[in-house]
C-alpha atoms as a PDB file:
ATOM      1  CA  ALA A   1       0.000   0.000   0.000  1.00  0.00           C
ATOM      2  CA  SER A   2       2.809   2.385   0.819  1.00  0.00           C
ATOM      3  CA  LEU A   3       4.444   1.684  -2.541  1.00  0.00           C
ATOM      4  CA  ALA A   4       1.173   2.232  -4.361  1.00  0.00           C
ATOM      5  CA  SER A   5       0.679   5.563  -2.672  1.00  0.00           C
ATOM      6  CA  GLY A   6       4.150   6.667  -3.668  1.00  0.00           C
ATOM      7  CA  HIS A   7       5.582   6.646  -0.111  1.00  0.00           C
ATOM      8  CA  HIS A   8       8.501   4.490   1.021  1.00  0.00           C
ATOM      9  CA  HIS A   9       8.567   2.808   4.375  1.00  0.00           C
ATOM     10  CA  PRO A  10      10.634   5.077   6.647  1.00  0.00           C
ATOM     11  CA  SER A  11      12.619   2.178   8.123  1.00  0.00           C
ATOM     12  CA  GLN A  12      13.988   1.043   4.778  1.00  0.00           C
ATOM     13  CA  PRO A  13      16.243   4.018   3.933  1.00  0.00           C
ATOM     14  CA  THR A  14      17.271   4.243   7.563  1.00  0.00           C
ATOM     15  CA  ARG A  15      18.487   0.654   7.589  1.00  0.00           C
ATOM     16  CA  SER A  16      20.186   1.125   4.240  1.00  0.00           C
ATOM     17  CA  SER A  17      21.914   4.341   5.308  1.00  0.00           C
ATOM     18  CA  ARG A  18      23.138   2.679   8.479  1.00  0.00           C
ATOM     19  CA  MET A  19      24.611  -0.174   6.458  1.00  0.00           C
ATOM     20  CA  ASN A  20      26.254   2.256   4.043  1.00  0.00           C
ATOM     21  CA  SER A  21      27.650   4.306   6.911  1.00  0.00           C
ATOM     22  CA  SER A  22      29.017   1.183   8.533  1.00  0.00           C
ATOM     23  CA  VAL A  23      30.720   0.164   5.301  1.00  0.00           C
ATOM     24  CA  VAL A  24      32.223   3.633   4.847  1.00  0.00           C
ATOM     25  CA  VAL A  25      33.520   3.720   8.436  1.00  0.00           C
ATOM     26  CA  THR A  26      35.000   0.238   8.059  1.00  0.00           C
ATOM     27  CA  ARG A  27      36.754   1.167   4.836  1.00  0.00           C
ATOM     28  CA  MET A  28      38.069   4.420   6.297  1.00  0.00           C
ATOM     29  CA  HIS A  29      39.369   2.604   9.340  1.00  0.00           C
ATOM     30  CA  ALA A  30      41.092   0.009   7.155  1.00  0.00           C
ATOM     31  CA  ALA A  31      42.654   2.753   5.017  1.00  0.00           C
ATOM     32  CA  LEU A  32      43.937   4.600   8.079  1.00  0.00           C
ATOM     33  CA  ARG A  33      45.565   1.421   9.348  1.00  0.00           C
ATOM     34  CA  THR A  34      47.801   0.957   6.303  1.00  0.00           C
ATOM     35  CA  GLN A  35      51.464   1.604   7.048  1.00  0.00           C
ATOM     36  CA  LEU A  36      52.002   4.504   4.640  1.00  0.00           C
ATOM     37  CA  VAL A  37      48.885   6.324   5.820  1.00  0.00           C
ATOM     38  CA  ARG A  38      49.873   5.862   9.463  1.00  0.00           C
ATOM     39  CA  GLU A  39      53.345   7.211   8.722  1.00  0.00           C
ATOM     40  CA  PHE A  40      51.863  10.171   6.840  1.00  0.00           C
ATOM     41  CA  LEU A  41      49.568  11.012   9.758  1.00  0.00           C
ATOM     42  CA  ALA A  42      52.419  10.500  12.234  1.00  0.00           C
ATOM     43  CA  GLU A  43      54.645  12.982  10.397  1.00  0.00           C
ATOM     44  CA  PHE A  44      51.743  15.410  10.103  1.00  0.00           C
ATOM     45  CA  MET A  45      50.905  15.303  13.815  1.00  0.00           C
ATOM     46  CA  SER A  46      54.482  15.308  15.122  1.00  0.00           C
ATOM     47  CA  THR A  47      55.464  18.246  12.891  1.00  0.00           C
ATOM     48  CA  TYR A  48      52.306  20.108  13.859  1.00  0.00           C
ATOM     49  CA  VAL A  49      53.068  19.676  17.566  1.00  0.00           C
ATOM     50  CA  MET A  50      56.703  20.760  17.149  1.00  0.00           C
ATOM     51  CA  MET A  51      55.799  23.829  15.091  1.00  0.00           C
ATOM     52  CA  VAL A  52      52.952  25.014  17.304  1.00  0.00           C
ATOM     53  CA  PHE A  53      55.305  25.108  20.288  1.00  0.00           C
ATOM     54  CA  GLY A  54      58.172  26.555  18.261  1.00  0.00           C
ATOM     55  CA  LEU A  55      56.276  29.280  16.409  1.00  0.00           C
ATOM     56  CA  GLY A  56      54.310  30.095  19.540  1.00  0.00           C
ATOM     57  CA  SER A  57      57.553  30.790  21.393  1.00  0.00           C
ATOM     58  CA  VAL A  58      58.717  33.101  18.575  1.00  0.00           C
ATOM     59  CA  ALA A  59      55.398  34.945  18.710  1.00  0.00           C
ATOM     60  CA  HIS A  60      55.886  35.513  22.428  1.00  0.00           C
ATOM     61  CA  MET A  61      59.359  36.947  21.831  1.00  0.00           C
ATOM     62  CA  VAL A  62      58.289  39.257  18.984  1.00  0.00           C
ATOM     63  CA  LEU A  63      54.897  40.398  20.229  1.00  0.00           C
ATOM     64  CA  GLY A  64      55.296  40.342  24.002  1.00  0.00           C
ATOM     65  CA  ASP A  65      57.555  42.100  26.433  1.00  0.00           C
ATOM     66  CA  LYS A  66      60.666  40.619  28.028  1.00  0.00           C
ATOM     67  CA  LYS A  67      58.567  38.947  30.699  1.00  0.00           C
ATOM     68  CA  LEU A  68      56.669  36.888  28.117  1.00  0.00           C
ATOM     69  CA  GLY A  69      59.365  35.779  25.709  1.00  0.00           C
ATOM     70  CA  SER A  70      63.062  35.760  24.920  1.00  0.00           C
ATOM     71  CA  TYR A  71      65.559  34.242  22.521  1.00  0.00           C
ATOM     72  CA  LEU A  72      66.257  31.507  25.055  1.00  0.00           C
ATOM     73  CA  GLY A  73      62.524  30.883  25.224  1.00  0.00           C
ATOM     74  CA  VAL A  74      62.462  30.365  21.448  1.00  0.00           C
ATOM     75  CA  ASN A  75      65.227  27.782  21.699  1.00  0.00           C
ATOM     76  CA  LEU A  76      63.432  25.999  24.502  1.00  0.00           C
ATOM     77  CA  GLY A  77      60.163  26.107  22.583  1.00  0.00           C
ATOM     78  CA  PHE A  78      61.616  24.515  19.469  1.00  0.00           C
ATOM     79  CA  GLY A  79      63.850  22.099  21.386  1.00  0.00           C
ATOM     80  CA  PHE A  80      61.208  20.634  23.607  1.00  0.00           C
ATOM     81  CA  GLY A  81      58.657  20.939  20.808  1.00  0.00           C
ATOM     82  CA  VAL A  82      60.866  18.428  18.998  1.00  0.00           C
ATOM     83  CA  THR A  83      60.850  16.237  22.102  1.00  0.00           C
ATOM     84  CA  MET A  84      57.058  16.266  22.226  1.00  0.00           C
ATOM     85  CA  GLY A  85      56.898  15.489  18.511  1.00  0.00           C
ATOM     86  CA  VAL A  86      59.065  12.406  19.014  1.00  0.00           C
ATOM     87  CA  TYR A  87      56.811  11.201  21.796  1.00  0.00           C
ATOM     88  CA  VAL A  88      53.762  11.722  19.577  1.00  0.00           C
ATOM     89  CA  ALA A  89      54.955   9.683  16.603  1.00  0.00           C
ATOM     90  CA  GLY A  90      58.403   8.230  17.202  1.00  0.00           C
ATOM     91  CA  ASP A  91      57.159   4.647  17.333  1.00  0.00           C
ATOM     92  CA  ILE A  92      55.202   4.960  14.054  1.00  0.00           C
ATOM     93  CA  SER A  93      57.222   6.946  11.532  1.00  0.00           C
ATOM     94  CA  GLY A  94      60.297   7.778  13.579  1.00  0.00           C
ATOM     95  CA  ALA A  95      59.057  11.380  13.815  1.00  0.00           C
ATOM     96  CA  HIS A  96      61.509  12.893  11.357  1.00  0.00           C
ATOM     97  CA  MET A  97      59.661  16.257  11.263  1.00  0.00           C
ATOM     98  CA  ASN A  98      62.436  17.393   8.917  1.00  0.00           C
ATOM     99  CA  ALA A  99      62.655  16.918   5.145  1.00  0.00           C
ATOM    100  CA  ALA A 100      66.470  17.078   5.337  1.00  0.00           C
ATOM    101  CA  VAL A 101      66.519  14.142   7.776  1.00  0.00           C
ATOM    102  CA  THR A 102      64.117  12.209   5.552  1.00  0.00           C
ATOM    103  CA  PHE A 103      66.240  12.917   2.470  1.00  0.00           C
ATOM    104  CA  THR A 104      69.375  11.729   4.261  1.00  0.00           C
ATOM    105  CA  SER A 105      67.576   8.599   5.401  1.00  0.00           C
ATOM    106  CA  CYS A 106      66.709   7.750   1.806  1.00  0.00           C
ATOM    107  CA  ALA A 107      70.066   8.827   0.356  1.00  0.00           C
ATOM    108  CA  LEU A 108      71.944   6.570   2.783  1.00  0.00           C
ATOM    109  CA  GLY A 109      69.728   3.648   1.825  1.00  0.00           C
ATOM    110  CA  ARG A 110      68.017   3.405   5.180  1.00  0.00           C
ATOM    111  CA  MET A 111      64.507   4.088   3.917  1.00  0.00           C
ATOM    112  CA  SER A 112      62.739   3.540   0.616  1.00  0.00           C
ATOM    113  CA  TRP A 113      62.497   6.555  -1.688  1.00  0.00           C
ATOM    114  CA  LYS A 114      58.806   5.813  -2.184  1.00  0.00           C
ATOM    115  CA  LYS A 115      58.257   7.004   1.377  1.00  0.00           C
ATOM    116  CA  PHE A 116      60.026  10.310   0.801  1.00  0.00           C
ATOM    117  CA  PRO A 117      56.984  12.167  -0.628  1.00  0.00           C
ATOM    118  CA  VAL A 118      54.710  10.627   2.006  1.00  0.00           C
ATOM    119  CA  TYR A 119      56.881  11.907   4.854  1.00  0.00           C
ATOM    120  CA  VAL A 120      57.578  15.312   3.323  1.00  0.00           C
ATOM    121  CA  VAL A 121      53.959  16.053   2.401  1.00  0.00           C
ATOM    122  CA  GLY A 122      52.903  15.116   5.936  1.00  0.00           C
ATOM    123  CA  GLN A 123      55.576  17.391   7.399  1.00  0.00           C
ATOM    124  CA  PHE A 124      54.699  20.303   5.111  1.00  0.00           C
ATOM    125  CA  LEU A 125      50.985  20.074   5.866  1.00  0.00           C
ATOM    126  CA  GLY A 126      51.628  19.836   9.605  1.00  0.00           C
ATOM    127  CA  SER A 127      53.921  22.862   9.495  1.00  0.00           C
ATOM    128  CA  PHE A 128      51.460  24.869   7.389  1.00  0.00           C
ATOM    129  CA  MET A 129      48.600  24.093   9.776  1.00  0.00           C
ATOM    130  CA  ALA A 130      50.756  25.052  12.758  1.00  0.00           C
ATOM    131  CA  ALA A 131      51.450  28.434  11.155  1.00  0.00           C
ATOM    132  CA  ALA A 132      47.723  28.896  10.578  1.00  0.00           C
ATOM    133  CA  THR A 133      47.053  27.979  14.207  1.00  0.00           C
ATOM    134  CA  ILE A 134      49.548  30.495  15.610  1.00  0.00           C
ATOM    135  CA  TYR A 135      48.317  33.208  13.241  1.00  0.00           C
ATOM    136  CA  SER A 136      44.716  32.568  14.293  1.00  0.00           C
ATOM    137  CA  SER A 137      45.499  32.626  17.988  1.00  0.00           C
ATOM    138  CA  HIS A 138      47.458  35.895  17.717  1.00  0.00           C
ATOM    139  CA  SER A 139      45.522  37.771  15.063  1.00  0.00           C
ATOM    140  CA  ILE A 140      41.984  36.660  14.288  1.00  0.00           C
ATOM    141  CA  CYS A 141      40.674  36.329  17.837  1.00  0.00           C
ATOM    142  CA  VAL A 142      39.564  39.775  19.054  1.00  0.00           C
ATOM    143  CA  SER A 143      40.896  39.237  22.548  1.00  0.00           C
ATOM    144  CA  THR A 144      44.371  38.194  21.332  1.00  0.00           C
ATOM    145  CA  ALA A 145      44.891  40.262  18.173  1.00  0.00           C
ATOM    146  CA  ALA A 146      48.535  40.757  19.099  1.00  0.00           C
ATOM    147  CA  ILE A 147      49.899  40.755  15.541  1.00  0.00           C
ATOM    148  CA  ILE A 148      47.550  43.498  14.382  1.00  0.00           C
ATOM    149  CA  ARG A 149      48.199  45.592  17.475  1.00  0.00           C
ATOM    150  CA  PHE A 150      51.976  45.205  17.270  1.00  0.00           C
ATOM    151  CA  SER A 151      52.239  46.002  13.544  1.00  0.00           C
ATOM    152  CA  GLY A 152      49.669  48.792  13.524  1.00  0.00           C
ATOM    153  CA  GLY A 153      47.447  46.858  11.152  1.00  0.00           C
ATOM    154  CA  GLU A 154      50.118  46.500   8.454  1.00  0.00           C
ATOM    155  CA  LEU A 155      51.745  43.111   7.893  1.00  0.00           C
ATOM    156  CA  THR A 156      55.413  43.806   7.180  1.00  0.00           C
ATOM    157  CA  VAL A 157      58.410  41.564   6.460  1.00  0.00           C
ATOM    158  CA  ILE A 158      61.259  43.892   7.465  1.00  0.00           C
ATOM    159  CA  GLY A 159      61.509  46.857   9.781  1.00  0.00           C
ATOM    160  CA  PRO A 160      60.856  47.543  13.467  1.00  0.00           C
ATOM    161  CA  THR A 161      57.292  46.218  13.331  1.00  0.00           C
ATOM    162  CA  ALA A 162      57.997  43.208  11.102  1.00  0.00           C
ATOM    163  CA  THR A 163      56.010  40.111  12.014  1.00  0.00           C
ATOM    164  CA  ALA A 164      56.816  37.724   9.156  1.00  0.00           C
ATOM    165  CA  GLY A 165      59.799  36.509  11.190  1.00  0.00           C
ATOM    166  CA  ILE A 166      57.382  34.844  13.591  1.00  0.00           C
ATOM    167  CA  PHE A 167      56.766  32.170  10.972  1.00  0.00           C
ATOM    168  CA  ALA A 168      59.946  31.837   8.859  1.00  0.00           C
ATOM    169  CA  THR A 169      63.625  32.780   9.035  1.00  0.00           C
ATOM    170  CA  TYR A 170      65.106  35.965   7.568  1.00  0.00           C
ATOM    171  CA  LEU A 171      68.729  37.039   7.338  1.00  0.00           C
ATOM    172  CA  PRO A 172      69.999  39.833   9.600  1.00  0.00           C
ATOM    173  CA  ASP A 173      71.562  42.861   7.920  1.00  0.00           C
ATOM    174  CA  TYR A 174      75.155  41.797   8.587  1.00  0.00           C
ATOM    175  CA  MET A 175      74.744  38.454   6.756  1.00  0.00           C
ATOM    176  CA  THR A 176      74.985  37.817   3.008  1.00  0.00           C
ATOM    177  CA  LEU A 177      73.066  35.174   1.098  1.00  0.00           C
ATOM    178  CA  TRP A 178      76.004  32.810   0.615  1.00  0.00           C
ATOM    179  CA  ARG A 179      77.333  33.248   4.136  1.00  0.00           C
ATOM    180  CA  GLY A 180      73.876  32.301   5.300  1.00  0.00           C
ATOM    181  CA  PHE A 181      73.916  29.292   2.967  1.00  0.00           C
ATOM    182  CA  LEU A 182      77.175  28.024   4.438  1.00  0.00           C
ATOM    183  CA  ASP A 183      75.888  28.658   7.948  1.00  0.00           C
ATOM    184  CA  GLU A 184      72.796  26.532   7.319  1.00  0.00           C
ATOM    185  CA  VAL A 185      74.960  23.753   5.858  1.00  0.00           C
ATOM    186  CA  LEU A 186      77.213  23.800   8.928  1.00  0.00           C
ATOM    187  CA  VAL A 187      74.437  23.929  11.513  1.00  0.00           C
ATOM    188  CA  THR A 188      72.347  21.216   9.872  1.00  0.00           C
ATOM    189  CA  GLY A 189      75.435  19.060   9.479  1.00  0.00           C
ATOM    190  CA  MET A 190      76.035  19.361  13.215  1.00  0.00           C
ATOM    191  CA  LEU A 191      72.406  18.452  13.854  1.00  0.00           C
ATOM    192  CA  GLN A 192      72.542  15.310  11.717  1.00  0.00           C
ATOM    193  CA  LEU A 193      75.914  14.182  13.045  1.00  0.00           C
ATOM    194  CA  CYS A 194      74.823  14.539  16.663  1.00  0.00           C
ATOM    195  CA  LEU A 195      71.482  12.859  16.006  1.00  0.00           C
ATOM    196  CA  LEU A 196      73.292   9.830  14.643  1.00  0.00           C
ATOM    197  CA  ALA A 197      75.578   9.772  17.683  1.00  0.00           C
ATOM    198  CA  ILE A 198      72.630  10.028  20.084  1.00  0.00           C
ATOM    199  CA  THR A 199      70.826   7.117  18.475  1.00  0.00           C
ATOM    200  CA  ASP A 200      73.845   4.903  17.779  1.00  0.00           C
ATOM    201  CA  LYS A 201      73.526   1.537  19.468  1.00  0.00           C
ATOM    202  CA  LYS A 202      77.006   1.812  20.955  1.00  0.00           C
ATOM    203  CA  ASN A 203      75.623   4.476  23.315  1.00  0.00           C
ATOM    204  CA  PRO A 204      73.424   2.459  25.715  1.00  0.00           C
ATOM    205  CA  GLU A 205      73.429   5.354  28.179  1.00  0.00           C
ATOM    206  CA  PHE A 206      70.938   7.106  25.896  1.00  0.00           C
ATOM    207  CA  GLN A 207      68.533   4.166  25.915  1.00  0.00           C
ATOM    208  CA  GLY A 208      64.995   5.433  26.379  1.00  0.00           C
ATOM    209  CA  THR A 209      66.071   9.067  26.685  1.00  0.00           C
ATOM    210  CA  GLN A 210      66.562   9.922  23.009  1.00  0.00           C
ATOM    211  CA  PRO A 211      63.556  12.287  22.709  1.00  0.00           C
ATOM    212  CA  LEU A 212      64.732  14.409  25.633  1.00  0.00           C
ATOM    213  CA  VAL A 213      68.370  14.418  24.530  1.00  0.00           C
ATOM    214  CA  ILE A 214      67.391  15.358  20.974  1.00  0.00           C
ATOM    215  CA  GLY A 215      65.388  18.268  22.350  1.00  0.00           C
ATOM    216  CA  VAL A 216      68.414  19.398  24.356  1.00  0.00           C
ATOM    217  CA  LEU A 217      70.488  19.144  21.154  1.00  0.00           C
ATOM    218  CA  VAL A 218      68.165  21.561  19.348  1.00  0.00           C
ATOM    219  CA  VAL A 219      68.348  23.969  22.289  1.00  0.00           C
ATOM    220  CA  ILE A 220      72.160  23.826  22.244  1.00  0.00           C
ATOM    221  CA  ILE A 221      72.260  24.490  18.496  1.00  0.00           C
ATOM    222  CA  GLY A 222      69.981  27.476  18.914  1.00  0.00           C
ATOM    223  CA  VAL A 223      71.871  29.144  21.762  1.00  0.00           C
ATOM    224  CA  SER A 224      75.308  28.583  20.204  1.00  0.00           C
ATOM    225  CA  LEU A 225      74.852  28.657  16.420  1.00  0.00           C
ATOM    226  CA  GLY A 226      71.425  30.139  15.772  1.00  0.00           C
ATOM    227  CA  MET A 227      72.203  33.856  15.561  1.00  0.00           C
ATOM    228  CA  ASN A 228      73.544  34.161  12.009  1.00  0.00           C
ATOM    229  CA  SER A 229      70.781  32.562   9.947  1.00  0.00           C
ATOM    230  CA  GLY A 230      68.044  31.764  12.442  1.00  0.00           C
ATOM    231  CA  TYR A 231      68.936  28.036  12.287  1.00  0.00           C
ATOM    232  CA  ALA A 232      66.062  26.888  10.116  1.00  0.00           C
ATOM    233  CA  ILE A 233      67.925  23.540   9.680  1.00  0.00           C
ATOM    234  CA  ASN A 234      64.714  22.112   8.269  1.00  0.00           C
ATOM    235  CA  PRO A 235      62.878  22.762   4.971  1.00  0.00           C
ATOM    236  CA  SER A 236      59.657  21.551   6.616  1.00  0.00           C
ATOM    237  CA  ARG A 237      60.038  24.181   9.329  1.00  0.00           C
ATOM    238  CA  ASP A 238      60.637  27.145   7.013  1.00  0.00           C
ATOM    239  CA  LEU A 239      58.943  26.824   3.619  1.00  0.00           C
ATOM    240  CA  PRO A 240      55.322  25.944   4.551  1.00  0.00           C
ATOM    241  CA  PRO A 241      54.958  28.775   7.124  1.00  0.00           C
ATOM    242  CA  ARG A 242      56.568  31.175   4.643  1.00  0.00           C
ATOM    243  CA  PHE A 243      54.004  30.172   2.032  1.00  0.00           C
ATOM    244  CA  PHE A 244      51.267  30.658   4.632  1.00  0.00           C
ATOM    245  CA  THR A 245      52.409  34.231   5.279  1.00  0.00           C
ATOM    246  CA  TYR A 246      52.320  34.872   1.532  1.00  0.00           C
ATOM    247  CA  LEU A 247      48.677  33.769   1.460  1.00  0.00           C
ATOM    248  CA  ALA A 248      47.760  35.507   4.732  1.00  0.00           C
ATOM    249  CA  GLY A 249      48.684  39.000   3.573  1.00  0.00           C
ATOM    250  CA  TRP A 250      52.424  39.554   3.892  1.00  0.00           C
ATOM    251  CA  GLY A 251      52.737  39.254   0.113  1.00  0.00           C
ATOM    252  CA  LYS A 252      55.613  38.425  -2.252  1.00  0.00           C
ATOM    253  CA  GLN A 253      58.143  40.158  -0.027  1.00  0.00           C
ATOM    254  CA  VAL A 254      58.357  36.997   2.084  1.00  0.00           C
ATOM    255  CA  PHE A 255      60.152  35.381  -0.883  1.00  0.00           C
ATOM    256  CA  ARG A 256      62.082  38.435  -2.089  1.00  0.00           C
ATOM    257  CA  ALA A 257      63.563  39.551   1.214  1.00  0.00           C
ATOM    258  CA  GLY A 258      67.259  38.935   1.840  1.00  0.00           C
ATOM    259  CA  ASP A 259      68.177  38.575  -1.851  1.00  0.00           C
ATOM    260  CA  ASN A 260      65.544  35.838  -2.278  1.00  0.00           C
ATOM    261  CA  TRP A 261      66.666  34.033   0.851  1.00  0.00           C
ATOM    262  CA  TRP A 262      63.678  31.678   0.853  1.00  0.00           C
ATOM    263  CA  TRP A 263      65.360  28.853  -1.105  1.00  0.00           C
ATOM    264  CA  VAL A 264      68.401  28.625   1.187  1.00  0.00           C
ATOM    265  CA  PRO A 265      66.538  27.058   4.167  1.00  0.00           C
ATOM    266  CA  VAL A 266      65.226  24.484   1.688  1.00  0.00           C
ATOM    267  CA  VAL A 267      68.444  23.483  -0.112  1.00  0.00           C
ATOM    268  CA  ALA A 268      71.211  24.105   2.432  1.00  0.00           C
ATOM    269  CA  PRO A 269      69.772  21.886   5.221  1.00  0.00           C
ATOM    270  CA  ILE A 270      69.443  18.963   2.793  1.00  0.00           C
ATOM    271  CA  LEU A 271      73.086  19.322   1.763  1.00  0.00           C
ATOM    272  CA  GLY A 272      74.240  19.830   5.347  1.00  0.00           C
ATOM    273  CA  ALA A 273      72.321  16.836   6.713  1.00  0.00           C
ATOM    274  CA  TYR A 274      73.703  14.551   4.007  1.00  0.00           C
ATOM    275  CA  LEU A 275      77.269  15.704   4.631  1.00  0.00           C
ATOM    276  CA  GLY A 276      76.808  15.295   8.389  1.00  0.00           C
ATOM    277  CA  GLY A 277      75.563  11.745   7.915  1.00  0.00           C
ATOM    278  CA  ILE A 278      78.457  10.839   5.615  1.00  0.00           C
ATOM    279  CA  ILE A 279      81.025  12.315   8.011  1.00  0.00           C
ATOM    280  CA  TYR A 280      79.612  10.363  10.938  1.00  0.00           C
ATOM    281  CA  LEU A 281      79.660   7.108   8.985  1.00  0.00           C
ATOM    282  CA  LEU A 282      83.227   7.657   7.756  1.00  0.00           C
ATOM    283  CA  PHE A 283      84.814   8.827  11.003  1.00  0.00           C
ATOM    284  CA  ILE A 284      82.749   7.188  13.735  1.00  0.00           C
ATOM    285  CA  GLY A 285      80.053   4.746  12.750  1.00  0.00           C
ATOM    286  CA  SER A 286      81.910   2.465  10.351  1.00  0.00           C
ATOM    287  CA  ASN A 287      85.011   2.184  12.555  1.00  0.00           C
ATOM    288  CA  THR A 288      83.358   1.253  15.829  1.00  0.00           C
ATOM    289  CA  PRO A 289      83.866  -2.388  16.856  1.00  0.00           C
ATOM    290  CA  ARG A 290      80.738  -4.063  18.110  1.00  0.00           C
ATOM    291  CA  LYS A 291      79.906  -7.072  20.182  1.00  0.00           C
ATOM    292  CA  PRO A 292      77.611  -9.631  18.527  1.00  0.00           C
ATOM    293  CA  GLU A 293      73.999  -9.643  19.579  1.00  0.00           C
ATOM    294  CA  LYS A 294      72.862 -12.397  21.917  1.00  0.00           C
ATOM    295  CA  LEU A 295      70.320 -14.105  19.727  1.00  0.00           C
ATOM    296  CA  GLU A 296      68.889 -16.028  22.628  1.00  0.00           C
ATOM    297  CA  ASP A 297      67.763 -12.798  24.286  1.00  0.00           C
ATOM    298  CA  PRO A 298      64.285 -11.995  22.931  1.00  0.00           C
ATOM    299  CA  ALA A 299      64.546  -8.432  24.268  1.00  0.00           C
ATOM    300  CA  ALA A 300      67.151  -7.729  21.595  1.00  0.00           C
ATOM    301  CA  PHE A 301      64.480  -8.082  18.953  1.00  0.00           C
ATOM    302  CA  GLU A 302      61.837  -5.831  20.462  1.00  0.00           C
ATOM    303  CA  ASP A 303      60.719  -3.395  17.803  1.00  0.00           C
ATOM    304  CA  HIS A 304      59.681  -0.531  20.086  1.00  0.00           C
ATOM    305  CA  ARG A 305      62.548   1.716  19.018  1.00  0.00           C
ATOM    306  CA  ILE A 306      63.298   5.378  18.488  1.00  0.00           C
ATOM    307  CA  SER A 307      66.248   6.619  16.452  1.00  0.00           C
ATOM    308  CA  ILE A 308      67.271   9.056  13.741  1.00  0.00           C
ATOM    309  CA  LEU A 309      66.950   7.293  10.404  1.00  0.00           C
ATOM    310  CA  PRO A 310      64.535   4.592   9.236  1.00  0.00           C
ATOM    311  CA  LYS A 311      66.442   1.534   8.063  1.00  0.00           C
ATOM    312  CA  THR A 312      65.591  -1.622   6.205  1.00  0.00           C
ATOM    313  CA  SER A 313      67.891  -4.479   7.192  1.00  0.00           C
ATOM    314  CA  ARG A 314      67.939  -7.417   4.808  1.00  0.00           C
ATOM    315  CA  ASP A 315      69.890  -9.619   7.192  1.00  0.00           C
ATOM    316  CA  PRO A 316      69.114  -9.311  10.908  1.00  0.00           C
ATOM    317  CA  SER A 317      72.445 -10.853  11.777  1.00  0.00           C
ATOM    318  CA  ILE A 318      74.342  -7.901  10.293  1.00  0.00           C
ATOM    319  CA  ILE A 319      74.749  -5.079  12.802  1.00  0.00           C
ATOM    320  CA  SER A 320      74.863  -1.681  11.171  1.00  0.00           C
ATOM    321  CA  PRO A 321      76.828   1.170  12.758  1.00  0.00           C
ATOM    322  CA  LEU A 322      73.548   3.068  12.872  1.00  0.00           C
ATOM    323  CA  THR A 323      71.376   0.343  14.369  1.00  0.00           C
ATOM    324  CA  PRO A 324      69.109   2.141  16.878  1.00  0.00           C
ATOM    325  CA  VAL A 325      69.112   1.818  20.613  1.00  0.00           C
ATOM    326  CA  SER A 326      66.241  -0.378  21.755  1.00  0.00           C
ATOM    327  CA  VAL A 327      63.763   1.119  24.163  1.00  0.00           C
ATOM    328  CA  ALA A 328      63.026  -0.876  27.278  1.00  0.00           C
ATOM    329  CA  PRO A 329      60.674  -3.686  26.244  1.00  0.00           C
ATOM    330  CA  THR A 330      57.126  -3.698  27.474  1.00  0.00           C
ATOM    331  CA  ASN A 331      57.094  -7.483  27.720  1.00  0.00           C
ATOM    332  CA  ARG A 332      59.459 -10.397  27.521  1.00  0.00           C
ATOM    333  CA  SER A 333      57.621 -12.488  24.962  1.00  0.00           C
ATOM    334  CA  PRO A 334      59.701 -13.705  22.006  1.00  0.00           C
ATOM    335  CA  ALA A 335      59.471 -11.677  18.825  1.00  0.00           C
ATOM    336  CA  PRO A 336      57.894 -13.237  15.736  1.00  0.00           C
ATOM    337  CA  PRO A 337      60.236 -14.766  13.158  1.00  0.00           C
ATOM    338  CA  VAL A 338      61.655 -12.449  10.546  1.00  0.00           C
ATOM    339  CA  HIS A 339      60.520 -12.931   6.960  1.00  0.00           C
ATOM    340  CA  GLY A 340      62.287 -11.015   4.242  1.00  0.00           C
ATOM    341  CA  SER A 341      63.265  -7.497   5.180  1.00  0.00           C
ATOM    342  CA  THR A 342      62.752  -6.009   8.616  1.00  0.00           C
ATOM    343  CA  HIS A 343      61.749  -2.358   8.867  1.00  0.00           C
ATOM    344  CA  VAL A 344      63.263  -0.655  11.879  1.00  0.00           C
ATOM    345  CA  GLU A 345      61.809   2.707  12.786  1.00  0.00           C
ATOM    346  CA  HIS A 346      64.003   5.599  13.854  1.00  0.00           C
ATOM    347  CA  PHE A 347      63.662   9.236  14.810  1.00  0.00           C
END
């Protein structure tokens, strides 16, 4: 009768829509559980966390008085922002949060190149969204429109009321483009070299403390080597927020300032990180004698690890000079047998 009258039974579409919704949710959940998607989301979230804390600390230094922010506060914000990022995603993607680190990982053969765009896109999107978050919290909200108040309503890149430096790095007047390039190469090389040392398996004293020590490393770099170029040391930290400021109203000057400085924090960190990795392998990693692993100890095969570079080991019996330090196991059950290649995650 309901069909004859042109009306459908109300329970029929409801049941059908519930079934369709259930199928969609199931498929979405399955898609989110794939390894590449999880690594993409891990890089997105870890980079977002790091950049929110880092850019927020810069905003406090630029927009507030000396009681609210300082250069040391910026270093602490970025350093321990990195630490929090590692805790967020270190056991999934390794929490690179840095396209230069990801490039070095691939260039040294420790991660597949097919993952490079997945990691970098996740990092760039996380950094871009962090810039949008800091801008919103300091400009759009009426009660906290600090950027507008500080700049007098005009978004400038250089000058006494410049605010673009909250989001990306800009050269000081005493630096030239190529001096800044070399500075970024040096500082990023130091970063990569020290990261490899922190996560090298021959340093058991760092076991379980790598996130904190890595954060301290970033703080040390900032307070000792950060003055000349702003120590971007990370294309994922500099380029996406710079592009955000271009869209948000600062204009093309964000790319033209400092003799077109914008490309240096993209290229120089990649070169510096690669050189730092090579130097560590040549001088330290490849020359360090190692004791063989005790195969009977199942804890040696626990895969809850945090280190600097993702690595694919074709033969578990071969100990690489960059094999990561294992984190204290959560249980003592034997690990499953290894089939084919074993993917070991690193920070």
